[in-house]
Protein backbone atom coordinates (compact mmCIF):
# COMPACT_ATOMS: atom_id res chain seq x y z
CA UNK A 1 246.34 197.19 -37.85
CA UNK A 2 247.70 194.95 -35.61
CA UNK A 3 248.07 191.16 -37.58
CA UNK A 4 245.58 189.50 -35.28
CA UNK A 5 244.74 185.78 -36.79
CA UNK A 6 241.87 186.95 -38.80
CA UNK A 7 242.58 189.93 -40.05
CA UNK A 8 243.91 191.23 -43.21
CA UNK A 9 248.15 192.26 -42.53
CA UNK A 10 249.38 195.73 -43.32
CA UNK A 11 252.68 194.10 -45.13
CA UNK A 12 254.35 190.88 -44.60
CA UNK A 13 258.00 189.88 -44.74
CA UNK A 14 259.44 186.90 -46.24
CA UNK A 15 262.87 185.72 -44.73
CA UNK A 16 264.13 182.85 -47.30
CA UNK A 17 262.23 184.02 -50.31
CA UNK A 18 264.29 182.58 -52.70
CA UNK A 19 264.61 179.59 -51.17
CA UNK A 20 262.33 176.25 -51.93
CA UNK A 21 259.94 177.18 -50.11
CA UNK A 22 260.55 180.95 -50.38
CA UNK A 23 259.68 180.95 -53.83
CA UNK A 24 256.44 179.10 -53.38
CA UNK A 25 255.39 181.26 -50.69
CA UNK A 26 256.20 184.04 -52.53
CA UNK A 27 253.84 183.47 -55.97
CA UNK A 28 251.03 182.46 -53.73
CA UNK A 29 251.17 185.65 -51.75
CA UNK A 30 251.25 187.17 -55.07
CA UNK A 31 248.37 185.62 -56.38
CA UNK A 32 246.02 186.22 -53.53
CA UNK A 33 247.03 190.08 -53.78
CA UNK A 34 248.82 190.00 -50.28
CA UNK A 35 250.77 193.19 -49.79
CA UNK A 36 254.60 191.30 -49.21
CA UNK A 37 258.07 191.92 -48.81
CA UNK A 38 261.00 189.84 -48.38
CA UNK A 39 264.55 190.10 -47.23
CA UNK A 40 267.34 188.98 -49.07
CA UNK A 41 271.44 189.04 -47.76
CA UNK A 42 273.62 190.86 -49.85
CA UNK A 43 275.27 189.16 -52.04
CA UNK A 44 276.90 190.09 -55.59
CA UNK A 45 274.72 187.03 -57.82
CA UNK A 46 271.84 187.80 -58.42
CA UNK A 47 268.66 186.21 -56.15
CA UNK A 48 266.80 183.35 -57.52
CA UNK A 49 263.66 184.95 -57.12
CA UNK A 50 260.25 183.76 -58.58
CA UNK A 51 259.46 184.70 -62.16
CA UNK A 52 256.97 186.96 -63.04
CA UNK A 53 256.35 188.36 -59.86
CA UNK A 54 256.52 191.23 -58.57
CA UNK A 55 257.84 191.54 -54.90
CA UNK A 56 258.95 194.30 -52.60
CA UNK A 57 262.46 193.32 -51.86
CA UNK A 58 264.55 194.39 -48.60
CA UNK A 59 267.92 194.42 -48.02
CA UNK A 60 270.21 192.72 -44.77
CA UNK A 61 271.62 189.48 -43.46
CA UNK A 62 269.75 188.22 -40.37
CA UNK A 63 272.43 188.74 -37.86
CA UNK A 64 272.32 192.73 -38.98
CA UNK A 65 270.16 194.30 -36.60
CA UNK A 66 269.95 198.18 -37.66
CA UNK A 67 269.40 196.80 -41.61
CA UNK A 68 266.82 194.20 -40.28
CA UNK A 69 265.09 197.69 -38.46
CA UNK A 70 264.77 199.56 -41.80
CA UNK A 71 263.74 196.15 -43.15
CA UNK A 72 260.60 195.41 -40.73
CA UNK A 73 259.62 199.46 -41.72
CA UNK A 74 255.39 199.37 -41.95
CA UNK A 75 255.23 195.02 -41.17
CA UNK A 76 253.13 193.06 -38.85
CA UNK A 77 253.60 190.07 -40.14
CA UNK A 78 256.62 187.28 -40.79
CA UNK A 79 257.67 184.30 -41.96
CA UNK A 80 260.28 182.92 -41.48
CA UNK A 81 262.03 180.66 -43.51
CA UNK A 82 265.68 181.72 -44.40
CA UNK A 83 268.48 178.63 -42.84
CA UNK A 84 271.73 176.99 -43.72
CA UNK A 85 271.42 173.69 -43.64
CA UNK A 86 271.03 173.34 -47.03
CA UNK A 87 274.10 175.08 -47.67
CA UNK A 88 276.16 171.94 -46.17
CA UNK A 89 280.05 173.05 -45.49
CA UNK A 90 278.95 176.87 -46.76
CA UNK A 91 277.05 177.76 -44.45
CA UNK A 92 276.39 178.09 -41.10
CA UNK A 93 273.06 177.26 -38.87
CA UNK A 94 274.50 178.32 -35.68
CA UNK A 95 274.81 182.01 -37.12
CA UNK A 96 271.62 182.14 -39.71
CA UNK A 97 269.22 179.82 -37.58
CA UNK A 98 269.68 180.37 -34.20
CA UNK A 99 271.61 183.57 -33.84
CA UNK A 100 269.79 185.07 -36.90
CA UNK A 101 266.92 184.32 -35.71
CA UNK A 102 267.08 185.91 -32.13
CA UNK A 103 268.21 188.97 -33.39
CA UNK A 104 264.62 189.12 -36.22
CA UNK A 105 262.88 188.36 -32.81
CA UNK A 106 264.23 190.70 -30.80
CA UNK A 107 263.94 193.97 -33.90
CA UNK A 108 260.42 192.17 -34.78
CA UNK A 109 259.91 193.13 -31.31
CA UNK A 110 260.53 196.15 -31.37
CA UNK A 111 258.92 196.46 -34.97
CA UNK A 112 255.81 195.45 -33.18
CA UNK A 113 255.01 192.66 -35.44
CA UNK A 114 252.39 190.76 -34.12
CA UNK A 115 252.19 187.43 -35.42
CA UNK A 116 255.13 184.89 -36.88
CA UNK A 117 255.07 182.25 -38.76
CA UNK A 118 258.36 179.52 -38.19
CA UNK A 119 259.08 176.92 -40.63
CA UNK A 120 260.91 173.96 -38.92
CA UNK A 121 261.55 169.94 -39.19
CA UNK A 122 259.57 166.98 -37.60
CA UNK A 123 262.36 166.01 -34.70
CA UNK A 124 263.59 169.79 -33.53
CA UNK A 125 264.68 170.32 -30.16
CA UNK A 126 267.22 171.63 -28.47
CA UNK A 127 268.21 168.82 -27.02
CA UNK A 128 268.91 166.43 -30.45
CA UNK A 129 271.99 164.64 -31.57
CA UNK A 130 271.46 166.34 -34.76
CA UNK A 131 272.94 169.93 -34.75
CA UNK A 132 270.40 170.98 -37.46
CA UNK A 133 267.40 169.84 -35.23
CA UNK A 134 269.26 171.03 -31.99
CA UNK A 135 269.40 174.46 -33.87
CA UNK A 136 265.68 174.48 -34.88
CA UNK A 137 264.73 173.78 -31.85
CA UNK A 138 266.70 176.47 -30.03
CA UNK A 139 264.90 179.01 -32.69
CA UNK A 140 261.71 177.82 -31.67
CA UNK A 141 262.37 178.74 -28.16
CA UNK A 142 263.36 181.69 -29.44
CA UNK A 143 259.99 182.99 -31.29
CA UNK A 144 257.83 181.40 -28.32
CA UNK A 145 258.97 183.99 -25.48
CA UNK A 146 259.15 186.67 -27.37
CA UNK A 147 255.87 187.11 -26.65
CA UNK A 148 254.19 188.07 -30.18
CA UNK A 149 251.51 185.85 -31.51
CA UNK A 150 253.55 182.89 -33.12
CA UNK A 151 252.68 179.73 -35.57
CA UNK A 152 255.26 176.82 -35.81
CA UNK A 153 254.99 174.25 -38.52
CA UNK A 154 257.34 171.66 -37.80
CA UNK A 155 257.39 170.01 -41.27
CA UNK A 156 258.35 166.93 -43.05
CA UNK A 157 260.33 166.49 -46.13
CA UNK A 158 259.84 168.47 -48.20
CA UNK A 159 259.17 168.57 -51.84
CA UNK A 160 258.06 170.16 -55.16
CA UNK A 161 259.68 170.94 -58.42
CA UNK A 162 263.42 172.39 -57.78
CA UNK A 163 263.41 170.83 -55.03
CA UNK A 164 266.39 169.58 -52.24
CA UNK A 165 265.19 166.24 -52.52
CA UNK A 166 263.28 164.06 -55.64
CA UNK A 167 265.38 166.33 -57.80
CA UNK A 168 268.83 166.05 -56.05
CA UNK A 169 268.29 162.21 -56.28
CA UNK A 170 267.12 162.56 -59.90
CA UNK A 171 270.19 164.11 -60.89
CA UNK A 172 272.49 161.59 -58.81
CA UNK A 173 270.38 158.72 -60.39
CA UNK A 174 270.89 159.91 -63.59
CA UNK A 175 274.51 160.40 -63.44
CA UNK A 176 276.08 157.17 -61.65
CA UNK A 177 275.28 153.66 -61.27
CA UNK A 178 275.16 153.53 -57.58
CA UNK A 179 273.36 155.57 -54.70
CA UNK A 180 273.77 155.35 -50.73
CA UNK A 181 271.58 154.61 -48.53
CA UNK A 182 271.00 156.26 -45.14
CA UNK A 183 271.82 153.36 -42.69
CA UNK A 184 269.79 150.28 -44.02
CA UNK A 185 267.74 152.06 -45.85
CA UNK A 186 264.68 151.66 -43.56
CA UNK A 187 264.61 154.82 -42.15
CA UNK A 188 260.81 156.42 -41.97
CA UNK A 189 259.93 159.58 -43.32
CA UNK A 190 256.49 161.76 -44.71
CA UNK A 191 257.43 163.65 -47.52
CA UNK A 192 254.79 166.61 -47.82
CA UNK A 193 254.33 168.46 -50.91
CA UNK A 194 255.73 172.17 -51.06
CA UNK A 195 252.09 173.49 -52.08
CA UNK A 196 250.14 171.82 -49.03
CA UNK A 197 252.51 173.28 -46.67
CA UNK A 198 252.15 176.73 -48.65
CA UNK A 199 248.35 176.39 -47.71
CA UNK A 200 248.78 175.73 -44.10
CA UNK A 201 250.68 178.75 -44.49
CA UNK A 202 247.79 180.83 -45.83
CA UNK A 203 245.28 179.63 -44.49
CA UNK A 204 246.97 180.19 -40.87
CA UNK A 205 246.27 183.79 -41.49
CA UNK A 206 242.73 183.83 -41.03
CA UNK A 207 242.81 180.83 -38.20
CA UNK A 208 242.76 182.37 -34.85
CA UNK A 209 242.96 178.33 -33.43
CA UNK A 210 246.86 178.53 -34.80
CA UNK A 211 247.76 181.13 -32.37
CA UNK A 212 250.79 180.17 -30.30
CA UNK A 213 251.05 176.54 -31.93
CA UNK A 214 252.93 174.28 -32.74
CA UNK A 215 251.92 171.83 -35.25
CA UNK A 216 253.53 169.01 -36.83
CA UNK A 217 252.82 168.15 -40.35
CA UNK A 218 253.70 165.07 -42.86
CA UNK A 219 252.20 164.25 -45.91
CA UNK A 220 249.54 161.58 -46.43
CA UNK A 221 251.97 158.25 -46.70
CA UNK A 222 254.76 156.90 -45.61
CA UNK A 223 257.54 155.61 -46.85
CA UNK A 224 261.35 154.26 -45.95
CA UNK A 225 264.17 156.35 -48.37
CA UNK A 226 264.87 153.32 -49.58
CA UNK A 227 261.14 152.92 -51.10
CA UNK A 228 261.01 156.71 -52.17
CA UNK A 229 264.63 156.25 -53.71
CA UNK A 230 262.69 153.89 -55.88
CA UNK A 231 259.63 155.39 -56.70
CA UNK A 232 262.05 158.53 -58.04
CA UNK A 233 264.31 156.35 -60.17
CA UNK A 234 261.18 154.14 -61.64
CA UNK A 235 259.41 157.49 -62.64
CA UNK A 236 263.20 158.64 -64.10
CA UNK A 237 263.39 155.48 -65.87
CA UNK A 238 266.72 155.05 -64.36
CA UNK A 239 267.52 151.57 -61.87
CA UNK A 240 271.12 152.27 -59.81
CA UNK A 241 272.11 149.74 -57.21
CA UNK A 242 271.38 151.50 -54.04
CA UNK A 243 274.39 150.66 -51.92
CA UNK A 244 273.35 150.77 -47.38
CA UNK A 245 276.13 153.16 -45.90
CA UNK A 246 276.51 153.84 -42.69
CA UNK A 247 275.74 157.09 -41.44
CA UNK A 248 278.86 158.12 -40.41
CA UNK A 249 280.45 156.72 -43.49
CA UNK A 250 277.98 158.74 -45.58
CA UNK A 251 278.36 161.84 -43.95
CA UNK A 252 282.29 161.82 -44.43
CA UNK A 253 281.54 160.98 -47.82
CA UNK A 254 278.86 163.84 -48.32
CA UNK A 255 281.72 166.02 -46.94
CA UNK A 256 284.28 165.12 -49.67
CA UNK A 257 281.16 165.41 -52.10
CA UNK A 258 280.48 168.95 -51.20
CA UNK A 259 284.17 169.69 -51.16
CA UNK A 260 284.48 168.15 -54.83
CA UNK A 261 281.44 168.89 -56.70
CA UNK A 262 280.67 172.90 -56.87
CA UNK A 263 276.53 172.56 -56.99
CA UNK A 264 276.57 168.89 -54.94
CA UNK A 265 272.78 168.57 -54.24
CA UNK A 266 272.82 167.13 -51.01
CA UNK A 267 274.52 168.18 -47.26
CA UNK A 268 274.93 166.55 -43.78
CA UNK A 269 271.27 167.64 -43.02
CA UNK A 270 270.57 164.80 -44.83
CA UNK A 271 272.02 162.22 -42.98
CA UNK A 272 270.87 163.97 -39.74
CA UNK A 273 267.33 164.08 -40.94
CA UNK A 274 267.75 160.19 -42.15
CA UNK A 275 269.68 159.08 -38.79
CA UNK A 276 265.98 158.29 -36.90
CA UNK A 277 262.53 158.02 -38.14
CA UNK A 278 260.95 161.27 -38.98
CA UNK A 279 256.67 161.18 -38.81
CA UNK A 280 254.25 162.45 -37.12
CA UNK A 281 250.22 161.98 -37.72
CA UNK A 282 248.81 161.79 -40.75
CA UNK A 283 245.34 163.46 -39.80
CA UNK A 284 246.72 166.67 -39.19
CA UNK A 285 246.63 168.39 -42.03
CA UNK A 286 242.66 167.22 -42.98
CA UNK A 287 242.09 167.99 -38.77
CA UNK A 288 243.49 171.21 -38.53
CA UNK A 289 242.47 172.57 -42.45
CA UNK A 290 240.19 170.68 -43.96
CA UNK A 291 242.01 169.24 -46.58
CA UNK A 292 243.80 165.68 -47.77
CA UNK A 293 247.06 166.61 -48.64
CA UNK A 294 248.41 164.68 -51.52
CA UNK A 295 250.34 161.94 -52.14
CA UNK A 296 253.33 161.16 -52.95
CA UNK A 297 252.93 158.70 -55.07
CA UNK A 298 251.06 160.88 -57.55
CA UNK A 299 253.18 163.71 -56.81
CA UNK A 300 256.29 163.39 -58.68
CA UNK A 301 254.97 164.63 -62.23
CA UNK A 302 257.64 167.60 -61.72
CA UNK A 303 260.53 164.78 -62.35
CA UNK A 304 258.62 164.11 -65.73
CA UNK A 305 260.16 164.77 -69.25
CA UNK A 306 263.72 166.21 -68.63
CA UNK A 307 266.74 165.07 -69.68
CA UNK A 308 267.77 164.81 -66.02
CA UNK A 309 271.52 163.31 -67.03
CA UNK A 310 271.83 166.55 -68.93
CA UNK A 311 270.72 168.64 -66.76
CA UNK A 312 272.53 167.51 -63.81
CA UNK A 313 276.22 167.44 -66.17
CA UNK A 314 275.01 171.86 -66.82
CA UNK A 315 274.50 172.35 -62.93
CA UNK A 316 276.54 169.83 -60.82
CA UNK A 317 279.82 170.92 -61.71
CA UNK A 318 279.07 174.57 -62.73
CA UNK A 319 280.75 176.76 -60.66
CA UNK A 320 279.48 180.27 -59.38
CA UNK A 321 280.71 183.32 -59.96
């Protein structure tokens, strides 16, 4: 049965299922009883799948078209979440996000996949000055031109338990007396609770109005990075000095930190992200999906009751085997 909007899919494939968003999506898909398979790239490490979730697994790199064809057998719906932006100097965004998406799109077309969801970023544009946003824009074009029934979500910065933003700053803020601010710290962004994005992704399966659409989605509030960091530090009971630093210097410092600290929680993607305002209309989610997204101010419970200094020392300097 083709996965037309509003019809129950036969099998859903999730790429990036071991990532922050992917784990949240797999949990919800399993909870709703959807048939789901996740794509995991070949690795010697144990995949970080969500605990207690029974999910079918297919092993394939995104640029291995032959293995992708096998992974796509019986699949009619794809949630494409895989990306390399958080891997920093160890990742290759061109190979993963652009070429990998192009290969996945070709394999999906040959497998007659009917529904293709993609999570991109606010500001994605193939003409962007920032590498990650440029590559995301290229990936979007591959999907739009595929002929498949697509839905693209350009998301605001996502947060929640085990995220790449609030928990990362909590770790660094617990260890160091000062933190660098991108630029003057006044760039505005729109944090979105990850479960709100997951709700949009799931509800889109049953909403024909999302077909062949690109949605820009963000949270209910605008913040400067300075304001957001002050909120995070208040929750964890720390008060580090916030030092403005020009983006070229911050980029160099980030690359150096990634070289010296095995699990440094930030990549140069963050430098790009906070190089300009990243906002959209605050009513998109309520208008299209009928609910009001969570407020960042009141959704930081996941940072409480954790010894962040102990957690940081246990994880930041631990080398992967």
